[in-house]
N, C-alpha and C. Protein backbone atom coordinates (compact mmCIF):
# COMPACT_ATOMS: atom_id res chain seq x y z
N UNK A 1 0.82 -1.20 0.00
CA UNK A 1 0.00 0.00 0.00
C UNK A 1 0.87 1.26 0.00
N UNK A 2 1.95 1.23 0.77
CA UNK A 2 2.84 2.37 0.85
C UNK A 2 3.48 2.65 -0.51
N UNK A 3 3.85 1.57 -1.23
CA UNK A 3 4.46 1.73 -2.55
C UNK A 3 3.48 2.35 -3.55
N UNK A 4 2.23 1.98 -3.45
CA UNK A 4 1.22 2.54 -4.35
C UNK A 4 1.06 4.03 -4.10
N UNK A 5 1.02 4.42 -2.84
CA UNK A 5 0.90 5.84 -2.50
C UNK A 5 2.11 6.63 -2.96
N UNK A 6 3.30 6.07 -2.76
CA UNK A 6 4.52 6.76 -3.20
C UNK A 6 4.56 6.88 -4.72
N UNK A 7 4.19 5.82 -5.40
CA UNK A 7 4.17 5.85 -6.86
C UNK A 7 3.17 6.86 -7.37
N UNK A 8 2.00 6.89 -6.77
CA UNK A 8 0.97 7.86 -7.17
C UNK A 8 1.44 9.29 -6.92
N UNK A 9 2.03 9.52 -5.76
CA UNK A 9 2.52 10.86 -5.43
C UNK A 9 3.63 11.28 -6.39
N UNK A 10 4.57 10.39 -6.65
CA UNK A 10 5.67 10.70 -7.57
C UNK A 10 5.13 10.99 -8.97
N UNK A 11 4.18 10.17 -9.43
CA UNK A 11 3.60 10.37 -10.76
C UNK A 11 2.92 11.73 -10.86
N UNK A 12 2.17 12.10 -9.83
CA UNK A 12 1.48 13.38 -9.83
C UNK A 12 2.48 14.54 -9.89
N UNK A 13 3.51 14.46 -9.07
CA UNK A 13 4.53 15.51 -9.04
C UNK A 13 5.25 15.60 -10.38
N UNK A 14 5.60 14.46 -10.95
CA UNK A 14 6.31 14.42 -12.24
C UNK A 14 5.45 15.04 -13.33
N UNK A 15 4.19 14.63 -13.40
CA UNK A 15 3.31 15.12 -14.46
C UNK A 15 3.05 16.62 -14.31
N UNK A 16 2.80 17.09 -13.12
CA UNK A 16 2.52 18.51 -12.94
C UNK A 16 3.76 19.37 -13.11
N UNK A 17 4.93 18.83 -12.82
CA UNK A 17 6.17 19.60 -12.95
C UNK A 17 6.62 19.72 -14.39
N UNK A 18 6.51 18.64 -15.15
CA UNK A 18 7.07 18.62 -16.49
C UNK A 18 6.05 18.79 -17.61
N UNK A 19 4.79 18.93 -17.29
CA UNK A 19 3.80 19.17 -18.34
C UNK A 19 3.83 20.65 -18.69
N UNK A 20 3.62 20.93 -19.95
CA UNK A 20 3.64 22.32 -20.40
C UNK A 20 2.34 22.63 -21.12
N UNK A 21 1.94 23.88 -21.04
CA UNK A 21 0.75 24.33 -21.73
C UNK A 21 1.19 24.94 -23.05
N UNK A 22 0.51 24.56 -24.11
CA UNK A 22 0.84 25.09 -25.44
C UNK A 22 -0.02 26.32 -25.69
N UNK A 23 0.64 27.39 -26.11
CA UNK A 23 -0.07 28.62 -26.44
C UNK A 23 0.09 28.87 -27.93
N UNK A 24 -0.96 28.64 -28.72
CA UNK A 24 -0.87 28.91 -30.16
C UNK A 24 -0.50 30.36 -30.41
N UNK A 25 0.27 30.58 -31.49
CA UNK A 25 0.75 31.92 -31.79
C UNK A 25 0.60 32.16 -33.29
N UNK A 26 0.19 33.34 -33.64
CA UNK A 26 0.08 33.70 -35.06
C UNK A 26 1.49 33.87 -35.64
N UNK A 27 1.62 33.62 -36.92
CA UNK A 27 2.92 33.70 -37.59
C UNK A 27 3.54 35.08 -37.41
N UNK A 28 2.76 36.12 -37.58
CA UNK A 28 3.29 37.49 -37.44
C UNK A 28 3.84 37.74 -36.04
N UNK A 29 3.11 37.27 -35.02
CA UNK A 29 3.58 37.43 -33.64
C UNK A 29 4.86 36.64 -33.40
N UNK A 30 4.93 35.44 -33.98
CA UNK A 30 6.13 34.61 -33.84
C UNK A 30 7.34 35.30 -34.48
N UNK A 31 7.16 35.84 -35.68
CA UNK A 31 8.25 36.53 -36.37
C UNK A 31 8.74 37.73 -35.56
N UNK A 32 7.81 38.49 -34.98
CA UNK A 32 8.20 39.65 -34.16
C UNK A 32 8.99 39.21 -32.94
N UNK A 33 8.52 38.16 -32.30
CA UNK A 33 9.20 37.67 -31.10
C UNK A 33 10.59 37.13 -31.45
N UNK A 34 10.71 36.43 -32.55
CA UNK A 34 12.00 35.89 -32.96
C UNK A 34 12.97 37.00 -33.36
N UNK A 35 12.45 38.04 -33.99
CA UNK A 35 13.31 39.17 -34.38
C UNK A 35 13.82 39.93 -33.17
N UNK A 36 13.04 39.95 -32.11
CA UNK A 36 13.42 40.69 -30.91
C UNK A 36 14.35 39.89 -29.99
N UNK A 37 14.52 38.61 -30.26
CA UNK A 37 15.34 37.75 -29.42
C UNK A 37 16.67 37.49 -30.08
N UNK A 38 17.79 37.86 -29.42
CA UNK A 38 19.11 37.68 -30.02
C UNK A 38 19.52 36.21 -30.04
N UNK A 39 19.45 35.57 -28.89
CA UNK A 39 19.84 34.16 -28.81
C UNK A 39 18.59 33.31 -28.83
N UNK A 40 18.51 32.40 -29.78
CA UNK A 40 17.32 31.58 -29.88
C UNK A 40 17.67 30.17 -30.35
N UNK A 41 16.86 29.24 -29.91
CA UNK A 41 16.98 27.86 -30.34
C UNK A 41 15.59 27.35 -30.65
N UNK A 42 15.44 26.77 -31.82
CA UNK A 42 14.17 26.15 -32.18
C UNK A 42 14.44 24.66 -32.31
N UNK A 43 13.70 23.88 -31.57
CA UNK A 43 13.86 22.44 -31.60
C UNK A 43 12.69 21.84 -32.38
N UNK A 44 13.01 21.24 -33.52
CA UNK A 44 12.00 20.63 -34.38
C UNK A 44 11.90 19.16 -34.00
N UNK A 45 10.76 18.76 -33.49
CA UNK A 45 10.60 17.39 -33.02
C UNK A 45 9.73 16.55 -33.96
N UNK A 46 9.59 17.03 -35.16
CA UNK A 46 8.79 16.27 -36.12
C UNK A 46 9.56 15.08 -36.65
N UNK A 47 8.84 14.18 -37.30
CA UNK A 47 9.48 13.01 -37.91
C UNK A 47 10.23 13.46 -39.17
N UNK A 48 11.17 12.65 -39.66
CA UNK A 48 11.87 13.01 -40.91
C UNK A 48 10.90 13.23 -42.07
N UNK A 49 9.83 12.46 -42.11
CA UNK A 49 8.84 12.62 -43.19
C UNK A 49 8.15 13.98 -43.10
N UNK A 50 7.83 14.41 -41.90
CA UNK A 50 7.21 15.72 -41.71
C UNK A 50 8.18 16.84 -42.05
N UNK A 51 9.46 16.65 -41.71
CA UNK A 51 10.49 17.65 -42.01
C UNK A 51 10.60 17.86 -43.51
N UNK A 52 10.56 16.77 -44.27
CA UNK A 52 10.68 16.85 -45.72
C UNK A 52 9.50 17.63 -46.33
N UNK A 53 8.35 17.55 -45.70
CA UNK A 53 7.17 18.26 -46.20
C UNK A 53 7.33 19.77 -46.14
N UNK A 54 8.18 20.26 -45.24
CA UNK A 54 8.42 21.69 -45.14
C UNK A 54 9.14 22.04 -43.86
N UNK A 55 10.11 22.96 -43.97
CA UNK A 55 10.88 23.38 -42.80
C UNK A 55 11.45 24.76 -43.03
N UNK A 56 11.94 25.37 -41.96
CA UNK A 56 12.53 26.70 -42.05
C UNK A 56 13.84 26.65 -42.83
N UNK A 57 14.16 27.71 -43.57
CA UNK A 57 15.43 27.75 -44.31
C UNK A 57 16.60 27.59 -43.34
N UNK A 58 17.57 26.77 -43.72
CA UNK A 58 18.77 26.57 -42.90
C UNK A 58 18.60 25.52 -41.81
N UNK A 59 17.42 24.95 -41.73
CA UNK A 59 17.19 23.94 -40.68
C UNK A 59 17.86 22.62 -41.06
């Protein structure tokens, strides 16, 4: 019983700590934000097939 409670508590903490909320953004707003940021990293997590369908120049 103690293991179940610990596992449940750990799972809850892990999920609430590492889950992120996605905020959709218009392309124009994204371009403005990227232009205003000197250091930036964009991580593309799509599959290779999705990448071939279209990607940013220089990616």
